Amino acid sequence: MKKDPYATLGVPRNATLDDIKKAYKIKARELHPDKNQGSPESAEKFKEVQEAFELLKDKRKRANYDRFGSTEGGGMGSPEEFFRDFFNEFTRGGTREAGAGFVRARSVVSYDIICSLPELYSGTIKKVKLRRVSSTIERPNETVLELKIQPGWTGGTKILFKGEGDEIGSTGVAQDVQFVIKESPHPDFVRQGAHLFTKVQVSLAEALCGCTLDINVLGVKKIQVRTDDGIVIRPGYRTVVPGEGMPSAKLGRPNGDLIVEFDVLFPLKLSAEQRNTLREVLKAPQQDAPESRL
């Protein structure tokens, strides 16, 4: 377009779409051929107003005009100047409008990678085969990316591989590939921050008399848990094993704790002898009667 569309409509360069529509309606009514007895000058201005409105109401065309002074993205002078500026945009990590749409420098494509709780406890290596499209970059159409999962990582942790995705158009620049850790649930352990929670069942005799349990932590190692002598285990009772939860993913931070919750299994039925024995053992001790005073 030869004339500045903003000047044609009489709006500033930061005008909103509503501002542009209002200005167009006013200008169109003023310059409409029916109101100007077919004046060639008015007809030409009316045409300019229409062209300006068509340009500015289209987000892509407007962006191209603001950037290049043209709706086709070509108002840069020589081809050398255009390509120099184009790749400078990529170096700065910005964006570039290129006729058919927006090309974002080093754009990122993201995938979820599912990890079990044991994998996040011990760490692991996952290999992912990735297909990518290339127009001008000489490289294989397939690659294998190696994801090194560190002990203690949490869901939401991101692993970035620069330039391993599809080529963006024919620019010689490829997308970055990002993997986001997703933690799958475990049937016996629940993670809360750095702590691990688990439930164990004990018999009524173990709850009353104490016990020692071997807990298999995520199939990785065994932890021995001993209930304190003389403490009666009630349903929901918890004990904490310090430092035996999830490992810390950051240097200097302590490991989490293992928190064990007890569930007491009560017998469904007792014999008369068992009931009498329990009554005798569990009966409340009699207190001595207070001395009488005269």
Protein backbone atom coordinates (compact mmCIF):
# COMPACT_ATOMS: atom_id res chain seq x y z
CA MET A 1 0.00 0.00 0.00
CA LYS A 2 1.46 3.38 -1.08
CA LYS A 3 -0.07 5.56 1.64
CA ASP A 4 0.16 5.13 5.38
CA PRO A 5 -3.09 3.33 6.37
CA TYR A 6 -2.99 4.90 9.85
CA ALA A 7 -2.84 8.40 8.35
CA THR A 8 -5.56 7.51 5.87
CA LEU A 9 -7.95 6.54 8.66
CA GLY A 10 -6.66 9.19 11.04
CA VAL A 11 -5.78 6.79 13.87
CA PRO A 12 -2.56 6.34 15.88
CA ARG A 13 -0.32 3.32 15.34
CA ASN A 14 -1.41 1.81 18.66
CA ALA A 15 -5.12 2.10 17.80
CA THR A 16 -7.32 -0.82 18.83
CA LEU A 17 -9.49 -2.71 16.37
CA ASP A 18 -12.57 -0.90 17.71
CA ASP A 19 -10.85 2.46 17.13
CA ILE A 20 -10.05 1.42 13.56
CA LYS A 21 -13.64 0.30 12.89
CA LYS A 22 -15.08 3.56 14.22
CA ALA A 23 -12.68 5.67 12.16
CA TYR A 24 -13.47 3.66 9.03
CA LYS A 25 -17.22 4.13 9.43
CA ILE A 26 -16.82 7.90 9.79
CA LYS A 27 -14.47 8.20 6.80
CA ALA A 28 -16.58 5.89 4.64
CA ARG A 29 -19.74 7.92 5.29
CA GLU A 30 -17.93 11.17 4.44
CA LEU A 31 -16.36 9.90 1.21
CA HIS A 32 -19.08 7.59 -0.09
CA PRO A 33 -19.69 8.28 -3.84
CA ASP A 34 -23.45 8.67 -3.25
CA LYS A 35 -22.77 11.70 -1.02
CA ASN A 36 -20.24 13.32 -3.32
CA GLN A 37 -22.06 13.38 -6.69
CA GLY A 38 -19.65 10.85 -8.17
CA SER A 39 -16.56 12.99 -7.55
CA PRO A 40 -13.47 11.12 -8.88
CA GLU A 41 -11.36 12.55 -6.07
CA SER A 42 -13.80 11.34 -3.41
CA ALA A 43 -14.05 7.95 -5.07
CA GLU A 44 -10.25 7.59 -5.00
CA LYS A 45 -10.11 8.57 -1.31
CA PHE A 46 -12.99 6.21 -0.55
CA LYS A 47 -10.99 3.39 -2.17
CA GLU A 48 -7.93 4.31 -0.07
CA VAL A 49 -10.02 4.22 3.10
CA GLN A 50 -11.32 0.76 2.22
CA GLU A 51 -7.81 -0.53 1.50
CA ALA A 52 -6.51 0.94 4.76
CA PHE A 53 -9.32 -0.70 6.73
CA GLU A 54 -8.80 -4.09 5.03
CA LEU A 55 -5.12 -3.94 5.96
CA LEU A 56 -5.45 -2.81 9.57
CA LYS A 57 -8.30 -5.12 10.55
CA ASP A 58 -6.21 -8.15 9.54
CA LYS A 59 -3.82 -8.97 12.40
CA ARG A 60 -1.19 -10.60 10.19
CA LYS A 61 -1.23 -7.93 7.52
CA ARG A 62 -1.07 -5.20 10.11
CA ALA A 63 1.86 -6.84 11.86
CA ASN A 64 3.71 -7.20 8.57
CA TYR A 65 3.05 -3.57 7.71
CA ASP A 66 4.24 -2.40 11.13
CA ARG A 67 7.40 -4.44 10.73
CA PHE A 68 8.23 -4.07 7.05
CA GLY A 69 6.08 -1.25 5.72
CA SER A 70 4.39 -3.85 3.51
CA THR A 71 1.69 -6.49 3.89
CA GLU A 72 3.96 -9.09 2.30
CA GLY A 73 6.88 -8.68 4.67
CA GLY A 74 9.15 -7.30 1.98
CA GLY A 75 9.72 -3.64 2.80
CA MET A 76 13.36 -4.18 3.80
CA GLY A 77 15.29 -2.94 0.80
CA SER A 78 17.77 -5.39 -0.70
CA PRO A 79 17.53 -9.19 -0.19
CA GLU A 80 20.86 -9.08 1.67
CA GLU A 81 19.41 -6.63 4.19
CA PHE A 82 16.31 -8.78 4.63
CA PHE A 83 18.17 -12.01 5.39
CA ARG A 84 20.70 -10.28 7.60
CA ASP A 85 17.90 -8.85 9.71
CA PHE A 86 16.00 -12.15 9.61
CA PHE A 87 18.82 -14.15 11.16
CA ASN A 88 19.71 -11.37 13.57
CA GLU A 89 16.20 -11.84 14.97
CA PHE A 90 16.95 -15.52 15.58
CA THR A 91 20.23 -14.67 17.28
CA ARG A 92 18.42 -12.32 19.65
CA GLY A 93 15.79 -14.97 20.35
CA GLY A 94 12.93 -12.81 19.05
CA THR A 95 10.17 -13.42 16.54
CA ARG A 96 9.92 -12.71 12.84
CA GLU A 97 6.84 -12.27 10.67
CA ALA A 98 7.28 -14.05 7.38
CA GLY A 99 4.30 -13.65 5.06
CA ALA A 100 2.48 -16.89 5.85
CA GLY A 101 2.64 -16.42 9.63
CA PHE A 102 4.97 -16.19 12.59
CA VAL A 103 8.27 -18.04 12.91
CA ARG A 104 9.54 -18.15 16.48
CA ALA A 105 13.26 -18.51 16.91
CA ARG A 106 14.21 -21.76 18.56
CA SER A 107 10.58 -22.65 19.32
CA VAL A 108 10.00 -25.57 21.67
CA VAL A 109 7.98 -28.74 21.18
CA SER A 110 7.10 -30.50 24.43
CA TYR A 111 6.44 -34.15 25.30
CA ASP A 112 5.50 -35.89 28.56
CA ILE A 113 7.79 -38.64 29.83
CA ILE A 114 6.24 -41.02 32.38
CA CYS A 115 8.45 -42.08 35.30
CA SER A 116 7.59 -44.48 38.09
CA LEU A 117 8.27 -43.60 41.72
CA PRO A 118 11.11 -46.17 41.94
CA GLU A 119 12.72 -44.58 38.87
CA LEU A 120 12.56 -41.15 40.50
CA TYR A 121 13.92 -42.65 43.74
CA SER A 122 16.97 -44.33 42.23
CA GLY A 123 17.40 -42.42 38.98
CA THR A 124 17.37 -44.03 35.55
CA ILE A 125 18.12 -43.49 31.88
CA LYS A 126 15.33 -43.45 29.31
CA LYS A 127 15.99 -43.53 25.58
CA VAL A 128 13.46 -41.92 23.23
CA LYS A 129 13.46 -42.38 19.47
CA LEU A 130 12.45 -39.15 17.78
CA ARG A 131 11.52 -38.49 14.18
CA ARG A 132 12.15 -34.98 12.84
CA VAL A 133 11.58 -33.18 9.58
CA SER A 134 14.41 -31.28 7.89
CA SER A 135 14.28 -29.12 4.76
CA THR A 136 17.78 -27.70 4.57
CA ILE A 137 19.56 -29.20 7.61
CA GLU A 138 21.61 -32.26 6.74
CA ARG A 139 20.96 -34.83 9.47
CA PRO A 140 19.23 -38.22 9.93
CA ASN A 141 15.43 -38.25 9.97
CA GLU A 142 15.54 -40.18 13.24
CA THR A 143 17.56 -39.70 16.40
CA VAL A 144 17.69 -41.33 19.82
CA LEU A 145 17.69 -38.95 22.76
CA GLU A 146 19.02 -40.14 26.11
CA LEU A 147 17.17 -38.77 29.15
CA LYS A 148 19.19 -39.00 32.35
CA ILE A 149 16.66 -39.01 35.20
CA GLN A 150 18.34 -37.93 38.43
CA PRO A 151 17.39 -39.38 41.86
CA GLY A 152 14.90 -37.15 43.65
CA TRP A 153 13.51 -35.41 40.58
CA THR A 154 9.86 -34.42 40.85
CA GLY A 155 6.96 -34.30 38.43
CA GLY A 156 7.17 -31.18 36.29
CA THR A 157 10.96 -31.29 35.94
CA LYS A 158 11.95 -30.39 32.36
CA ILE A 159 14.76 -31.77 30.18
CA LEU A 160 15.69 -29.67 27.13
CA PHE A 161 17.47 -30.77 23.96
CA LYS A 162 18.36 -27.78 21.80
CA GLY A 163 17.87 -28.00 18.05
CA GLU A 164 16.72 -31.64 17.98
CA GLY A 165 13.17 -31.05 16.68
CA ASP A 166 11.72 -30.28 13.25
CA GLU A 167 13.32 -27.60 11.16
CA ILE A 168 11.29 -24.38 11.21
CA GLY A 169 10.34 -23.89 7.57
CA SER A 170 13.53 -23.71 5.53
CA THR A 171 15.38 -21.41 7.91
CA GLY A 172 18.17 -23.75 8.96
CA VAL A 173 16.90 -23.43 12.54
CA ALA A 174 15.37 -26.42 14.31
CA GLN A 175 12.96 -26.58 17.21
CA ASP A 176 14.13 -27.40 20.71
CA VAL A 177 12.66 -30.59 22.18
CA GLN A 178 11.51 -30.56 25.79
CA PHE A 179 10.48 -33.51 27.94
CA VAL A 180 8.37 -32.95 31.07
CA ILE A 181 8.53 -35.51 33.88
CA LYS A 182 5.16 -37.00 34.86
CA GLU A 183 5.10 -39.22 37.97
CA SER A 184 2.96 -42.35 37.80
CA PRO A 185 1.18 -43.44 41.02
CA HIS A 186 2.57 -46.27 43.15
CA PRO A 187 0.30 -48.88 44.78
CA ASP A 188 2.05 -48.87 48.18
CA PHE A 189 3.83 -45.53 48.56
CA VAL A 190 2.69 -41.92 48.24
CA ARG A 191 5.12 -39.07 47.75
CA GLN A 192 4.53 -35.73 49.42
CA GLY A 193 7.40 -33.39 48.67
CA ALA A 194 10.52 -35.25 49.76
CA HIS A 195 8.66 -37.57 52.16
CA LEU A 196 7.38 -41.06 51.46
CA PHE A 197 4.21 -42.37 53.11
CA THR A 198 3.22 -46.01 53.39
CA LYS A 199 0.73 -48.11 55.37
CA VAL A 200 1.41 -51.43 57.11
CA GLN A 201 -0.88 -53.89 58.83
CA VAL A 202 -0.12 -55.42 62.22
CA SER A 203 -2.03 -57.93 64.27
CA LEU A 204 -3.72 -57.01 67.54
CA ALA A 205 -1.02 -58.94 69.43
CA GLU A 206 1.73 -56.96 67.60
CA ALA A 207 -0.10 -53.71 68.26
CA LEU A 208 -0.30 -54.48 71.99
CA CYS A 209 3.06 -56.13 72.54
CA GLY A 210 5.32 -54.46 70.01
CA CYS A 211 6.93 -55.79 66.83
CA THR A 212 9.72 -55.40 64.32
CA LEU A 213 8.83 -54.97 60.64
CA ASP A 214 10.92 -55.11 57.47
CA ILE A 215 9.60 -52.54 54.97
CA ASN A 216 10.60 -52.94 51.34
CA VAL A 217 10.99 -49.34 50.14
CA LEU A 218 9.94 -49.19 46.47
CA GLY A 219 11.67 -52.52 45.79
CA VAL A 220 15.01 -50.72 46.19
CA LYS A 221 16.03 -51.37 49.80
CA LYS A 222 14.66 -52.73 53.08
CA ILE A 223 14.19 -50.62 56.19
CA GLN A 224 13.64 -52.19 59.62
CA VAL A 225 10.98 -50.48 61.73
CA ARG A 226 10.61 -51.38 65.40
CA THR A 227 7.72 -50.22 67.57
CA ASP A 228 8.67 -48.87 70.96
CA ASP A 229 8.34 -51.20 73.93
CA GLY A 230 5.32 -50.42 76.04
CA ILE A 231 3.58 -48.24 73.42
CA VAL A 232 0.23 -49.55 72.22
CA ILE A 233 -0.22 -49.16 68.47
CA ARG A 234 -3.59 -47.62 67.69
CA PRO A 235 -5.19 -47.51 64.21
CA GLY A 236 -3.68 -44.51 62.39
CA TYR A 237 -0.58 -44.39 64.60
CA ARG A 238 2.49 -43.16 62.73
CA THR A 239 6.21 -43.49 63.16
CA VAL A 240 8.89 -41.53 61.30
CA VAL A 241 12.16 -42.93 59.99
CA PRO A 242 14.35 -39.85 59.34
CA GLY A 243 16.23 -39.58 56.07
CA GLU A 244 14.73 -42.70 54.48
CA GLY A 245 12.29 -40.93 52.17
CA MET A 246 13.06 -39.52 48.71
CA PRO A 247 16.68 -38.54 48.02
CA SER A 248 17.39 -34.85 47.58
CA ALA A 249 17.86 -33.66 44.00
CA LYS A 250 19.76 -30.59 45.21
CA LEU A 251 23.12 -30.51 46.91
CA GLY A 252 23.04 -29.54 50.54
CA ARG A 253 19.42 -30.48 51.12
CA PRO A 254 18.58 -33.44 53.39
CA ASN A 255 16.69 -36.47 52.17
CA GLY A 256 13.03 -36.80 53.02
CA ASP A 257 11.62 -39.03 55.76
CA LEU A 258 9.84 -42.37 55.56
CA ILE A 259 6.51 -42.09 57.38
CA VAL A 260 4.85 -45.38 58.32
CA GLU A 261 1.18 -45.49 59.29
CA PHE A 262 -0.16 -48.56 61.12
CA ASP A 263 -3.44 -50.34 60.51
CA VAL A 264 -4.43 -52.80 63.25
CA LEU A 265 -6.08 -56.06 62.21
CA PHE A 266 -8.62 -57.04 64.87
CA PRO A 267 -9.67 -60.70 65.16
CA LEU A 268 -13.18 -61.46 63.94
CA LYS A 269 -13.97 -63.79 66.85
CA LEU A 270 -12.55 -64.81 70.25
CA SER A 271 -13.07 -67.99 72.21
CA ALA A 272 -14.41 -67.88 75.77
CA GLU A 273 -10.97 -68.72 77.11
CA GLN A 274 -9.34 -65.91 75.10
CA ARG A 275 -11.95 -63.44 76.32
CA ASN A 276 -11.45 -64.41 79.94
CA THR A 277 -7.67 -64.18 79.59
CA LEU A 278 -7.91 -60.74 77.99
CA ARG A 279 -10.29 -59.53 80.70
CA GLU A 280 -7.87 -60.63 83.33
CA VAL A 281 -4.85 -59.13 81.62
CA LEU A 282 -6.46 -55.87 80.52
CA LYS A 283 -8.65 -55.14 83.48
CA ALA A 284 -8.08 -51.82 85.14
CA PRO A 285 -5.97 -52.04 88.30
CA GLN A 286 -7.99 -51.62 91.47
CA GLN A 287 -7.19 -48.60 93.51
CA ASP A 288 -6.83 -48.89 97.25
CA ALA A 289 -9.87 -47.61 99.14
CA PRO A 290 -9.21 -44.34 100.94
CA GLU A 291 -8.74 -44.53 104.69
CA SER A 292 -11.76 -43.58 106.76
CA ARG A 293 -11.40 -40.83 109.26
CA LEU A 294 -13.33 -40.40 112.47
